[in-house]
Amino acid sequence: MNELAWRTWAEQMATGLVLVDAELRLRWVNPALTEWLELGLRSPLGQPLGVLLGDDGAVAQAARVLTEQRPAQWRGVSLPAASGRQLSADIAVQPFDDGLLLEVHALAEPVESSSPLSATLRGFAHEVKNPLAGLRGAAQLLQRRVDSDDLRALAGLIIDEADRLGVLANRLLHHDGAPQLGPVNIHRLLERLCDLLQAEPAPPRLCHDYDPSVPDLMGDADRLQQLLLNLARNAMEAGAQTLTLRTRIEHGLRVGERMLRMALRVDVIDDGAGVPAALRDSLFQPLVSGRADGTGLGLALSREIAHEHGGELRCASRPGHTVFSLYLPLERAHD
């Protein structure tokens, strides 16, 4: 197998692969490992192996393999993700082409009973329930007293949103972490999103670019609606004047360690100021915000919702053009 054919094959692997040179510097990292370590657009090529391993002892073991030219197996190695999480993997190391080839086999992450994000969200849910009840009651009174059909429709929108947020708050408070799955028409969610945005004091110009062939997917409509609303509100807070909502079908998409035969891509595109360069590597972490009055929970929650659905949330940004892309499986994923 020539080098081009080998690279093509290796880039399709779900297993993480790394090539290092004789100086233990990174020559090549395949997409599976880049996704798993959440490196995003950052390229680690040319950097020391310790950037990936994050441990001087592991680097010393790699140097020994290179010197002795004998393969080795490392069990339960802790690897740092770009988000700050510690991931666990078994690693097979062997001499390869004057350097080393590392095969990184991801281990299942332990389920935490109470992550910092979940604890923060439960606290928020507790605080928000009473104001939501008051908001809903006021909207009901308004709906009964006004004569305008438009005002009654807006009051109904407030009631529906209060109910939806109440359901989300109850799920967080009662630890019902599993999404409530059912058939979801993504275009109906996007049209609902447009209705909500049009009710804003200064709504953006809305453009649609839908693929009518997109089928229904299995998902939690309330949580996906919240995800889309978070993305749209972030765009407006970044000064967006125009918001474009686009849907497409993707084939052969890699999401983490899995390859999806068919996936839905939802793009939320805005012409705002863009993501500050200092925040791009930590954009989806809890409590990270580009605004002084921001909570930093919206994007962290949005990515968590995407992961709950077996999907991913990605961002590409430059001033005047930011794209948040939500990827969701349209059929059972396979390794």
C-alpha atoms as a PDB file:
ATOM      1  CA  MET A   1       0.000   0.000   0.000  1.00  0.00           C
ATOM      2  CA  ASN A   2       1.545   3.327  -1.060  1.00  0.00           C
ATOM      3  CA  GLU A   3       1.586   6.371   1.255  1.00  0.00           C
ATOM      4  CA  LEU A   4      -1.391   8.078  -0.410  1.00  0.00           C
ATOM      5  CA  ALA A   5      -3.535   4.946  -0.148  1.00  0.00           C
ATOM      6  CA  TRP A   6      -2.423   4.423   3.470  1.00  0.00           C
ATOM      7  CA  ARG A   7      -3.328   8.024   4.425  1.00  0.00           C
ATOM      8  CA  THR A   8      -6.726   7.714   2.742  1.00  0.00           C
ATOM      9  CA  TRP A   9      -7.430   4.502   4.643  1.00  0.00           C
ATOM     10  CA  ALA A  10      -6.135   5.879   7.953  1.00  0.00           C
ATOM     11  CA  GLU A  11      -8.239   9.040   7.704  1.00  0.00           C
ATOM     12  CA  GLN A  12     -11.396   6.883   7.538  1.00  0.00           C
ATOM     13  CA  MET A  13     -10.482   4.939  10.684  1.00  0.00           C
ATOM     14  CA  ALA A  14     -12.620   5.421  13.793  1.00  0.00           C
ATOM     15  CA  THR A  15      -9.540   4.590  15.894  1.00  0.00           C
ATOM     16  CA  GLY A  16      -7.283   7.530  16.737  1.00  0.00           C
ATOM     17  CA  LEU A  17      -3.929   7.360  14.928  1.00  0.00           C
ATOM     18  CA  VAL A  18      -0.798   9.478  15.450  1.00  0.00           C
ATOM     19  CA  LEU A  19       2.524   9.535  13.610  1.00  0.00           C
ATOM     20  CA  VAL A  20       5.559  11.067  15.334  1.00  0.00           C
ATOM     21  CA  ASP A  21       9.042  11.581  13.940  1.00  0.00           C
ATOM     22  CA  ALA A  22      12.403  10.602  15.391  1.00  0.00           C
ATOM     23  CA  GLU A  23      12.356  13.782  17.531  1.00  0.00           C
ATOM     24  CA  LEU A  24       8.994  12.756  19.004  1.00  0.00           C
ATOM     25  CA  ARG A  25       7.203  15.600  17.231  1.00  0.00           C
ATOM     26  CA  LEU A  26       3.759  15.160  15.702  1.00  0.00           C
ATOM     27  CA  ARG A  27       3.844  14.469  11.959  1.00  0.00           C
ATOM     28  CA  TRP A  28       0.199  13.542  11.425  1.00  0.00           C
ATOM     29  CA  VAL A  29      -2.999  13.043  13.453  1.00  0.00           C
ATOM     30  CA  ASN A  30      -6.087  11.462  11.909  1.00  0.00           C
ATOM     31  CA  PRO A  31      -9.541  13.158  12.087  1.00  0.00           C
ATOM     32  CA  ALA A  32     -10.924  10.643  14.607  1.00  0.00           C
ATOM     33  CA  LEU A  33      -8.368  11.653  17.239  1.00  0.00           C
ATOM     34  CA  THR A  34      -8.680  15.348  16.413  1.00  0.00           C
ATOM     35  CA  GLU A  35     -12.442  15.140  17.036  1.00  0.00           C
ATOM     36  CA  TRP A  36     -12.085  13.086  20.227  1.00  0.00           C
ATOM     37  CA  LEU A  37      -9.554  15.492  21.750  1.00  0.00           C
ATOM     38  CA  GLU A  38     -11.745  18.451  20.680  1.00  0.00           C
ATOM     39  CA  LEU A  39      -8.876  20.182  18.894  1.00  0.00           C
ATOM     40  CA  GLY A  40     -11.248  21.977  16.500  1.00  0.00           C
ATOM     41  CA  LEU A  41      -9.364  24.058  13.949  1.00  0.00           C
ATOM     42  CA  ARG A  42      -6.107  23.998  15.889  1.00  0.00           C
ATOM     43  CA  SER A  43      -3.338  21.945  14.295  1.00  0.00           C
ATOM     44  CA  PRO A  44      -0.944  20.152  16.653  1.00  0.00           C
ATOM     45  CA  LEU A  45       1.455  19.200  13.842  1.00  0.00           C
ATOM     46  CA  GLY A  46       5.096  19.942  14.576  1.00  0.00           C
ATOM     47  CA  GLN A  47       4.499  20.102  18.302  1.00  0.00           C
ATOM     48  CA  PRO A  48       6.014  17.719  20.873  1.00  0.00           C
ATOM     49  CA  LEU A  49       4.192  14.458  21.589  1.00  0.00           C
ATOM     50  CA  GLY A  50       3.630  15.693  25.146  1.00  0.00           C
ATOM     51  CA  VAL A  51       1.003  18.104  23.789  1.00  0.00           C
ATOM     52  CA  LEU A  52      -1.262  15.102  23.161  1.00  0.00           C
ATOM     53  CA  LEU A  53      -0.128  12.826  25.987  1.00  0.00           C
ATOM     54  CA  GLY A  54       0.102  15.562  28.619  1.00  0.00           C
ATOM     55  CA  ASP A  55       2.415  13.387  30.715  1.00  0.00           C
ATOM     56  CA  ASP A  56       6.230  13.352  30.853  1.00  0.00           C
ATOM     57  CA  GLY A  57       6.233   9.697  31.927  1.00  0.00           C
ATOM     58  CA  ALA A  58       4.331   8.628  28.816  1.00  0.00           C
ATOM     59  CA  VAL A  59       6.688  10.642  26.616  1.00  0.00           C
ATOM     60  CA  ALA A  60       9.652   8.907  28.266  1.00  0.00           C
ATOM     61  CA  GLN A  61       8.054   5.521  27.531  1.00  0.00           C
ATOM     62  CA  ALA A  62       7.582   6.565  23.894  1.00  0.00           C
ATOM     63  CA  ALA A  63      11.269   7.486  23.702  1.00  0.00           C
ATOM     64  CA  ARG A  64      12.146   4.020  25.052  1.00  0.00           C
ATOM     65  CA  VAL A  65      10.026   2.324  22.368  1.00  0.00           C
ATOM     66  CA  LEU A  66      11.821   4.391  19.723  1.00  0.00           C
ATOM     67  CA  THR A  67      15.248   3.516  21.124  1.00  0.00           C
ATOM     68  CA  GLU A  68      14.600  -0.188  21.675  1.00  0.00           C
ATOM     69  CA  GLN A  69      12.469  -0.599  18.522  1.00  0.00           C
ATOM     70  CA  ARG A  70      10.015  -2.806  20.399  1.00  0.00           C
ATOM     71  CA  PRO A  71       6.199  -2.307  20.435  1.00  0.00           C
ATOM     72  CA  ALA A  72       4.428  -1.481  23.692  1.00  0.00           C
ATOM     73  CA  GLN A  73       0.887  -1.407  25.079  1.00  0.00           C
ATOM     74  CA  TRP A  74      -0.226   1.313  27.525  1.00  0.00           C
ATOM     75  CA  ARG A  75      -3.414   0.798  29.505  1.00  0.00           C
ATOM     76  CA  GLY A  76      -5.706   3.481  30.911  1.00  0.00           C
ATOM     77  CA  VAL A  77      -3.665   6.480  29.778  1.00  0.00           C
ATOM     78  CA  SER A  78      -5.180   9.843  30.733  1.00  0.00           C
ATOM     79  CA  LEU A  79      -5.260  12.315  27.825  1.00  0.00           C
ATOM     80  CA  PRO A  80      -6.185  16.014  28.125  1.00  0.00           C
ATOM     81  CA  ALA A  81      -8.927  17.258  25.777  1.00  0.00           C
ATOM     82  CA  ALA A  82      -8.834  20.860  24.558  1.00  0.00           C
ATOM     83  CA  SER A  83     -11.926  21.605  26.695  1.00  0.00           C
ATOM     84  CA  GLY A  84     -10.018  20.639  29.857  1.00  0.00           C
ATOM     85  CA  ARG A  85     -11.685  17.229  30.298  1.00  0.00           C
ATOM     86  CA  GLN A  86      -9.492  14.229  31.066  1.00  0.00           C
ATOM     87  CA  LEU A  87     -10.130  11.338  28.675  1.00  0.00           C
ATOM     88  CA  SER A  88      -8.990   7.755  29.080  1.00  0.00           C
ATOM     89  CA  ALA A  89      -7.553   5.457  26.403  1.00  0.00           C
ATOM     90  CA  ASP A  90      -5.506   2.344  25.753  1.00  0.00           C
ATOM     91  CA  ILE A  91      -2.586   3.105  23.422  1.00  0.00           C
ATOM     92  CA  ALA A  92      -0.609   0.712  21.219  1.00  0.00           C
ATOM     93  CA  VAL A  93       2.831   2.076  20.256  1.00  0.00           C
ATOM     94  CA  GLN A  94       5.111   0.661  17.589  1.00  0.00           C
ATOM     95  CA  PRO A  95       8.118   1.794  15.556  1.00  0.00           C
ATOM     96  CA  PHE A  96       7.081   3.099  12.145  1.00  0.00           C
ATOM     97  CA  ASP A  97       9.006   4.831   9.352  1.00  0.00           C
ATOM     98  CA  ASP A  98      11.885   6.211  11.506  1.00  0.00           C
ATOM     99  CA  GLY A  99       9.368   7.327  14.117  1.00  0.00           C
ATOM    100  CA  LEU A 100       6.387   5.894  15.960  1.00  0.00           C
ATOM    101  CA  LEU A 101       2.780   5.004  15.191  1.00  0.00           C
ATOM    102  CA  LEU A 102       0.334   5.339  18.096  1.00  0.00           C
ATOM    103  CA  GLU A 103      -3.104   3.715  18.002  1.00  0.00           C
ATOM    104  CA  VAL A 104      -5.398   5.397  20.521  1.00  0.00           C
ATOM    105  CA  HIS A 105      -8.410   3.302  21.611  1.00  0.00           C
ATOM    106  CA  ALA A 106     -10.863   5.477  23.553  1.00  0.00           C
ATOM    107  CA  LEU A 107     -12.295   4.017  26.753  1.00  0.00           C
ATOM    108  CA  ALA A 108     -15.848   4.733  27.895  1.00  0.00           C
ATOM    109  CA  GLU A 109     -16.052   7.760  30.149  1.00  0.00           C
ATOM    110  CA  PRO A 110     -17.492   7.213  33.629  1.00  0.00           C
ATOM    111  CA  VAL A 111     -20.908   8.739  34.134  1.00  0.00           C
ATOM    112  CA  GLU A 112     -20.669  11.521  36.690  1.00  0.00           C
ATOM    113  CA  SER A 113     -23.564  11.754  39.078  1.00  0.00           C
ATOM    114  CA  SER A 114     -23.326  15.523  39.179  1.00  0.00           C
ATOM    115  CA  SER A 115     -21.184  17.461  36.715  1.00  0.00           C
ATOM    116  CA  PRO A 116     -20.558  21.189  37.388  1.00  0.00           C
ATOM    117  CA  LEU A 117     -22.733  22.060  34.403  1.00  0.00           C
ATOM    118  CA  SER A 118     -25.606  19.839  35.580  1.00  0.00           C
ATOM    119  CA  ALA A 119     -25.405  21.259  39.103  1.00  0.00           C
ATOM    120  CA  THR A 120     -25.449  24.802  37.733  1.00  0.00           C
ATOM    121  CA  LEU A 121     -28.426  24.035  35.511  1.00  0.00           C
ATOM    122  CA  ARG A 122     -30.382  22.447  38.368  1.00  0.00           C
ATOM    123  CA  GLY A 123     -29.800  25.544  40.465  1.00  0.00           C
ATOM    124  CA  PHE A 124     -30.950  27.707  37.585  1.00  0.00           C
ATOM    125  CA  ALA A 125     -34.032  25.525  37.059  1.00  0.00           C
ATOM    126  CA  HIS A 126     -35.004  25.891  40.718  1.00  0.00           C
ATOM    127  CA  GLU A 127     -34.701  29.694  40.569  1.00  0.00           C
ATOM    128  CA  VAL A 128     -36.596  30.073  37.310  1.00  0.00           C
ATOM    129  CA  LYS A 129     -39.749  28.092  38.151  1.00  0.00           C
ATOM    130  CA  ASN A 130     -41.547  30.777  40.176  1.00  0.00           C
ATOM    131  CA  PRO A 131     -40.916  33.627  37.693  1.00  0.00           C
ATOM    132  CA  LEU A 132     -42.119  31.339  34.900  1.00  0.00           C
ATOM    133  CA  ALA A 133     -45.376  30.678  36.713  1.00  0.00           C
ATOM    134  CA  GLY A 134     -45.901  34.417  37.195  1.00  0.00           C
ATOM    135  CA  LEU A 135     -45.090  35.118  33.561  1.00  0.00           C
ATOM    136  CA  ARG A 136     -47.552  32.483  32.397  1.00  0.00           C
ATOM    137  CA  GLY A 137     -50.313  33.815  34.625  1.00  0.00           C
ATOM    138  CA  ALA A 138     -49.807  37.375  33.403  1.00  0.00           C
ATOM    139  CA  ALA A 139     -49.914  36.200  29.774  1.00  0.00           C
ATOM    140  CA  GLN A 140     -53.184  34.340  30.426  1.00  0.00           C
ATOM    141  CA  LEU A 141     -54.782  37.493  31.874  1.00  0.00           C
ATOM    142  CA  LEU A 142     -53.525  39.527  28.933  1.00  0.00           C
ATOM    143  CA  GLN A 143     -54.888  36.966  26.465  1.00  0.00           C
ATOM    144  CA  ARG A 144     -58.365  37.228  28.021  1.00  0.00           C
ATOM    145  CA  ARG A 145     -58.459  41.045  28.185  1.00  0.00           C
ATOM    146  CA  VAL A 146     -57.133  42.195  24.812  1.00  0.00           C
ATOM    147  CA  ASP A 147     -59.267  42.458  21.682  1.00  0.00           C
ATOM    148  CA  SER A 148     -56.495  42.259  19.097  1.00  0.00           C
ATOM    149  CA  ASP A 149     -55.944  38.862  17.492  1.00  0.00           C
ATOM    150  CA  ASP A 150     -52.247  39.670  17.075  1.00  0.00           C
ATOM    151  CA  LEU A 151     -51.844  40.444  20.793  1.00  0.00           C
ATOM    152  CA  ARG A 152     -53.724  37.306  21.766  1.00  0.00           C
ATOM    153  CA  ALA A 153     -51.405  35.288  19.499  1.00  0.00           C
ATOM    154  CA  LEU A 154     -48.332  36.859  21.148  1.00  0.00           C
ATOM    155  CA  ALA A 155     -49.744  36.098  24.608  1.00  0.00           C
ATOM    156  CA  GLY A 156     -50.320  32.501  23.485  1.00  0.00           C
ATOM    157  CA  LEU A 157     -46.704  32.336  22.341  1.00  0.00           C
ATOM    158  CA  ILE A 158     -45.561  33.461  25.813  1.00  0.00           C
ATOM    159  CA  ILE A 159     -47.738  30.801  27.455  1.00  0.00           C
ATOM    160  CA  ASP A 160     -46.399  28.048  25.187  1.00  0.00           C
ATOM    161  CA  GLU A 161     -42.786  29.055  25.845  1.00  0.00           C
ATOM    162  CA  ALA A 162     -43.378  29.254  29.591  1.00  0.00           C
ATOM    163  CA  ASP A 163     -44.824  25.733  29.486  1.00  0.00           C
ATOM    164  CA  ARG A 164     -41.895  24.422  27.460  1.00  0.00           C
ATOM    165  CA  LEU A 165     -39.337  25.955  29.813  1.00  0.00           C
ATOM    166  CA  GLY A 166     -41.290  24.617  32.778  1.00  0.00           C
ATOM    167  CA  VAL A 167     -41.011  21.098  31.378  1.00  0.00           C
ATOM    168  CA  LEU A 168     -37.253  21.534  30.903  1.00  0.00           C
ATOM    169  CA  ALA A 169     -36.872  22.888  34.444  1.00  0.00           C
ATOM    170  CA  ASN A 170     -38.784  19.919  35.898  1.00  0.00           C
ATOM    171  CA  ARG A 171     -36.581  17.443  34.024  1.00  0.00           C
ATOM    172  CA  LEU A 172     -33.431  19.081  35.384  1.00  0.00           C
ATOM    173  CA  LEU A 173     -34.763  19.206  38.947  1.00  0.00           C
ATOM    174  CA  HIS A 174     -35.883  15.575  38.960  1.00  0.00           C
ATOM    175  CA  HIS A 175     -32.721  14.209  37.341  1.00  0.00           C
ATOM    176  CA  ASP A 176     -34.641  12.912  34.351  1.00  0.00           C
ATOM    177  CA  GLY A 177     -31.596  13.251  32.164  1.00  0.00           C
ATOM    178  CA  ALA A 178     -32.665  11.067  29.246  1.00  0.00           C
ATOM    179  CA  PRO A 179     -34.137  12.913  26.254  1.00  0.00           C
ATOM    180  CA  GLN A 180     -37.817  12.217  25.557  1.00  0.00           C
ATOM    181  CA  LEU A 181     -37.434  10.873  22.038  1.00  0.00           C
ATOM    182  CA  GLY A 182     -40.070  11.009  19.338  1.00  0.00           C
ATOM    183  CA  PRO A 183     -40.397  11.925  15.652  1.00  0.00           C
ATOM    184  CA  VAL A 184     -39.238  15.511  15.069  1.00  0.00           C
ATOM    185  CA  ASN A 185     -39.754  17.595  11.932  1.00  0.00           C
ATOM    186  CA  ILE A 186     -36.764  19.937  11.978  1.00  0.00           C
ATOM    187  CA  HIS A 187     -38.409  22.454   9.663  1.00  0.00           C
ATOM    188  CA  ARG A 188     -41.335  22.864  12.057  1.00  0.00           C
ATOM    189  CA  LEU A 189     -38.851  23.609  14.842  1.00  0.00           C
ATOM    190  CA  LEU A 190     -37.133  26.187  12.634  1.00  0.00           C
ATOM    191  CA  GLU A 191     -40.438  27.834  11.736  1.00  0.00           C
ATOM    192  CA  ARG A 192     -41.307  27.948  15.429  1.00  0.00           C
ATOM    193  CA  LEU A 193     -37.922  29.547  16.023  1.00  0.00           C
ATOM    194  CA  CYS A 194     -38.757  32.202  13.435  1.00  0.00           C
ATOM    195  CA  ASP A 195     -42.033  32.951  15.220  1.00  0.00           C
ATOM    196  CA  LEU A 196     -40.155  33.439  18.490  1.00  0.00           C
ATOM    197  CA  LEU A 197     -37.545  35.703  16.902  1.00  0.00           C
ATOM    198  CA  GLN A 198     -40.166  37.808  15.144  1.00  0.00           C
ATOM    199  CA  ALA A 199     -41.634  38.567  18.570  1.00  0.00           C
ATOM    200  CA  GLU A 200     -38.330  40.135  19.672  1.00  0.00           C
ATOM    201  CA  PRO A 201     -38.184  43.963  19.960  1.00  0.00           C
ATOM    202  CA  ALA A 202     -35.648  44.168  17.107  1.00  0.00           C
ATOM    203  CA  PRO A 203     -35.914  40.915  15.113  1.00  0.00           C
ATOM    204  CA  PRO A 204     -33.229  40.066  12.572  1.00  0.00           C
ATOM    205  CA  ARG A 205     -33.917  39.561   8.881  1.00  0.00           C
ATOM    206  CA  LEU A 206     -34.628  35.847   8.471  1.00  0.00           C
ATOM    207  CA  CYS A 207     -33.620  33.805   5.425  1.00  0.00           C
ATOM    208  CA  HIS A 208     -34.452  30.143   4.772  1.00  0.00           C
ATOM    209  CA  ASP A 209     -32.530  27.585   2.764  1.00  0.00           C
ATOM    210  CA  TYR A 210     -34.270  24.289   3.477  1.00  0.00           C
ATOM    211  CA  ASP A 211     -33.719  20.900   1.879  1.00  0.00           C
ATOM    212  CA  PRO A 212     -37.293  19.605   1.456  1.00  0.00           C
ATOM    213  CA  SER A 213     -36.064  15.996   1.275  1.00  0.00           C
ATOM    214  CA  VAL A 214     -34.929  15.985   4.934  1.00  0.00           C
ATOM    215  CA  PRO A 215     -36.926  13.277   6.779  1.00  0.00           C
ATOM    216  CA  ASP A 216     -38.099  13.366  10.389  1.00  0.00           C
ATOM    217  CA  LEU A 217     -35.518  12.388  12.986  1.00  0.00           C
ATOM    218  CA  MET A 218     -35.802  10.854  16.439  1.00  0.00           C
ATOM    219  CA  GLY A 219     -35.205  13.501  19.064  1.00  0.00           C
ATOM    220  CA  ASP A 220     -36.490  15.531  21.980  1.00  0.00           C
ATOM    221  CA  ALA A 221     -38.337  18.436  20.342  1.00  0.00           C
ATOM    222  CA  ASP A 222     -38.210  20.666  23.445  1.00  0.00           C
ATOM    223  CA  ARG A 223     -34.465  20.302  23.912  1.00  0.00           C
ATOM    224  CA  LEU A 224     -33.704  20.753  20.219  1.00  0.00           C
ATOM    225  CA  GLN A 225     -35.910  23.854  20.178  1.00  0.00           C
ATOM    226  CA  GLN A 226     -33.911  25.237  23.110  1.00  0.00           C
ATOM    227  CA  LEU A 227     -30.644  24.498  21.312  1.00  0.00           C
ATOM    228  CA  LEU A 228     -31.757  26.374  18.174  1.00  0.00           C
ATOM    229  CA  LEU A 229     -33.054  29.290  20.229  1.00  0.00           C
ATOM    230  CA  ASN A 230     -29.720  29.529  22.074  1.00  0.00           C
ATOM    231  CA  LEU A 231     -27.846  29.732  18.772  1.00  0.00           C
ATOM    232  CA  ALA A 232     -30.160  32.389  17.366  1.00  0.00           C
ATOM    233  CA  ARG A 233     -30.038  34.507  20.522  1.00  0.00           C
ATOM    234  CA  ASN A 234     -26.233  34.310  20.565  1.00  0.00           C
ATOM    235  CA  ALA A 235     -26.183  35.576  16.972  1.00  0.00           C
ATOM    236  CA  MET A 236     -28.447  38.506  17.839  1.00  0.00           C
ATOM    237  CA  GLU A 237     -26.331  39.385  20.867  1.00  0.00           C
ATOM    238  CA  ALA A 238     -23.290  39.431  18.537  1.00  0.00           C
ATOM    239  CA  GLY A 239     -25.000  42.143  16.480  1.00  0.00           C
ATOM    240  CA  ALA A 240     -26.414  40.007  13.669  1.00  0.00           C
ATOM    241  CA  GLN A 241     -28.777  41.785  11.315  1.00  0.00           C
ATOM    242  CA  THR A 242     -29.454  38.768   9.115  1.00  0.00           C
ATOM    243  CA  LEU A 243     -29.949  35.168  10.191  1.00  0.00           C
ATOM    244  CA  THR A 244     -29.962  32.319   7.666  1.00  0.00           C
ATOM    245  CA  LEU A 245     -31.376  28.911   8.599  1.00  0.00           C
ATOM    246  CA  ARG A 246     -30.168  26.102   6.343  1.00  0.00           C
ATOM    247  CA  THR A 247     -30.757  22.331   6.345  1.00  0.00           C
ATOM    248  CA  ARG A 248     -28.834  19.676   4.430  1.00  0.00           C
ATOM    249  CA  ILE A 249     -28.292  15.911   4.448  1.00  0.00           C
ATOM    250  CA  GLU A 250     -24.718  14.673   4.971  1.00  0.00           C
ATOM    251  CA  HIS A 251     -23.420  11.206   4.062  1.00  0.00           C
ATOM    252  CA  GLY A 252     -20.473   9.391   5.623  1.00  0.00           C
ATOM    253  CA  LEU A 253     -20.032  11.899   8.451  1.00  0.00           C
ATOM    254  CA  ARG A 254     -17.649  11.239  11.334  1.00  0.00           C
ATOM    255  CA  VAL A 255     -18.928  12.297  14.756  1.00  0.00           C
ATOM    256  CA  GLY A 256     -16.414  11.505  17.491  1.00  0.00           C
ATOM    257  CA  GLU A 257     -15.619   7.806  17.325  1.00  0.00           C
ATOM    258  CA  ARG A 258     -18.577   6.993  15.064  1.00  0.00           C
ATOM    259  CA  MET A 259     -19.273   7.149  11.378  1.00  0.00           C
ATOM    260  CA  LEU A 260     -22.826   8.170  10.459  1.00  0.00           C
ATOM    261  CA  ARG A 261     -24.124   6.846   7.152  1.00  0.00           C
ATOM    262  CA  MET A 262     -26.636   9.687   6.963  1.00  0.00           C
ATOM    263  CA  ALA A 263     -26.953  12.788   9.131  1.00  0.00           C
ATOM    264  CA  LEU A 264     -28.884  16.036   9.239  1.00  0.00           C
ATOM    265  CA  ARG A 265     -26.922  19.294   9.221  1.00  0.00           C
ATOM    266  CA  VAL A 266     -28.646  22.432  10.478  1.00  0.00           C
ATOM    267  CA  ASP A 267     -26.690  25.647   9.914  1.00  0.00           C
ATOM    268  CA  VAL A 268     -27.453  28.853  11.778  1.00  0.00           C
ATOM    269  CA  ILE A 269     -25.569  31.548   9.845  1.00  0.00           C
ATOM    270  CA  ASP A 270     -25.259  35.154  10.964  1.00  0.00           C
ATOM    271  CA  ASP A 271     -23.500  38.349   9.892  1.00  0.00           C
ATOM    272  CA  GLY A 272     -22.575  39.465  13.412  1.00  0.00           C
ATOM    273  CA  ALA A 273     -19.210  40.357  14.900  1.00  0.00           C
ATOM    274  CA  GLY A 274     -18.038  36.743  15.052  1.00  0.00           C
ATOM    275  CA  VAL A 275     -16.476  34.715  17.857  1.00  0.00           C
ATOM    276  CA  PRO A 276     -13.494  36.452  19.509  1.00  0.00           C
ATOM    277  CA  ALA A 277     -10.245  34.644  18.736  1.00  0.00           C
ATOM    278  CA  ALA A 278      -9.490  34.274  22.458  1.00  0.00           C
ATOM    279  CA  LEU A 279     -12.671  32.242  22.981  1.00  0.00           C
ATOM    280  CA  ARG A 280     -12.595  29.886  19.995  1.00  0.00           C
ATOM    281  CA  ASP A 281     -10.861  27.027  21.795  1.00  0.00           C
ATOM    282  CA  SER A 282     -13.109  27.238  24.877  1.00  0.00           C
ATOM    283  CA  LEU A 283     -16.337  28.355  23.220  1.00  0.00           C
ATOM    284  CA  PHE A 284     -18.459  25.407  24.385  1.00  0.00           C
ATOM    285  CA  GLN A 285     -17.182  25.276  27.969  1.00  0.00           C
ATOM    286  CA  PRO A 286     -19.548  26.245  30.812  1.00  0.00           C
ATOM    287  CA  LEU A 287     -19.287  29.803  32.142  1.00  0.00           C
ATOM    288  CA  VAL A 288     -17.315  31.037  29.119  1.00  0.00           C
ATOM    289  CA  SER A 289     -18.860  34.148  27.555  1.00  0.00           C
ATOM    290  CA  GLY A 290     -17.736  36.955  25.292  1.00  0.00           C
ATOM    291  CA  ARG A 291     -20.097  39.421  26.999  1.00  0.00           C
ATOM    292  CA  ALA A 292     -19.719  41.037  30.395  1.00  0.00           C
ATOM    293  CA  ASP A 293     -23.348  40.204  31.231  1.00  0.00           C
ATOM    294  CA  GLY A 294     -23.304  36.721  29.699  1.00  0.00           C
ATOM    295  CA  THR A 295     -23.788  33.535  31.743  1.00  0.00           C
ATOM    296  CA  GLY A 296     -21.736  31.270  29.483  1.00  0.00           C
ATOM    297  CA  LEU A 297     -24.304  28.470  29.759  1.00  0.00           C
ATOM    298  CA  GLY A 298     -26.096  28.703  26.404  1.00  0.00           C
ATOM    299  CA  LEU A 299     -23.496  27.094  24.154  1.00  0.00           C
ATOM    300  CA  ALA A 300     -22.402  24.575  26.801  1.00  0.00           C
ATOM    301  CA  LEU A 301     -26.007  23.439  27.163  1.00  0.00           C
ATOM    302  CA  SER A 302     -26.459  23.407  23.389  1.00  0.00           C
ATOM    303  CA  ARG A 303     -23.502  21.096  22.858  1.00  0.00           C
ATOM    304  CA  GLU A 304     -24.708  18.858  25.694  1.00  0.00           C
ATOM    305  CA  ILE A 305     -28.104  18.565  23.973  1.00  0.00           C
ATOM    306  CA  ALA A 306     -26.385  17.727  20.666  1.00  0.00           C
ATOM    307  CA  HIS A 307     -24.333  15.004  22.380  1.00  0.00           C
ATOM    308  CA  GLU A 308     -27.473  13.585  24.043  1.00  0.00           C
ATOM    309  CA  HIS A 309     -28.872  13.043  20.553  1.00  0.00           C
ATOM    310  CA  GLY A 310     -25.708  11.315  19.303  1.00  0.00           C
ATOM    311  CA  GLY A 311     -24.726  14.412  17.336  1.00  0.00           C
ATOM    312  CA  GLU A 312     -22.289  17.308  17.446  1.00  0.00           C
ATOM    313  CA  LEU A 313     -22.243  21.095  17.405  1.00  0.00           C
ATOM    314  CA  ARG A 314     -19.453  22.882  15.550  1.00  0.00           C
ATOM    315  CA  CYS A 315     -18.581  26.469  14.810  1.00  0.00           C
ATOM    316  CA  ALA A 316     -16.678  28.293  12.082  1.00  0.00           C
ATOM    317  CA  SER A 317     -16.400  32.043  12.493  1.00  0.00           C
ATOM    318  CA  ARG A 318     -14.896  35.166  11.060  1.00  0.00           C
ATOM    319  CA  PRO A 319     -16.120  38.767  11.422  1.00  0.00           C
ATOM    320  CA  GLY A 320     -19.333  39.146   9.467  1.00  0.00           C
ATOM    321  CA  HIS A 321     -19.866  35.415   8.891  1.00  0.00           C
ATOM    322  CA  THR A 322     -20.398  32.873  11.679  1.00  0.00           C
ATOM    323  CA  VAL A 323     -21.808  29.390  11.128  1.00  0.00           C
ATOM    324  CA  PHE A 324     -22.963  27.123  13.928  1.00  0.00           C
ATOM    325  CA  SER A 325     -23.595  23.660  12.484  1.00  0.00           C
ATOM    326  CA  LEU A 326     -25.694  21.091  14.306  1.00  0.00           C
ATOM    327  CA  TYR A 327     -25.193  17.492  13.133  1.00  0.00           C
ATOM    328  CA  LEU A 328     -27.798  14.873  14.097  1.00  0.00           C
ATOM    329  CA  PRO A 329     -27.980  11.204  13.042  1.00  0.00           C
ATOM    330  CA  LEU A 330     -30.804  10.284  10.690  1.00  0.00           C
ATOM    331  CA  GLU A 331     -30.262   6.568  11.145  1.00  0.00           C
ATOM    332  CA  ARG A 332     -28.434   4.266  13.503  1.00  0.00           C
ATOM    333  CA  ALA A 333     -24.730   5.113  13.748  1.00  0.00           C
ATOM    334  CA  HIS A 334     -22.121   2.433  13.172  1.00  0.00           C
ATOM    335  CA  ASP A 335     -18.503   2.181  14.210  1.00  0.00           C
END
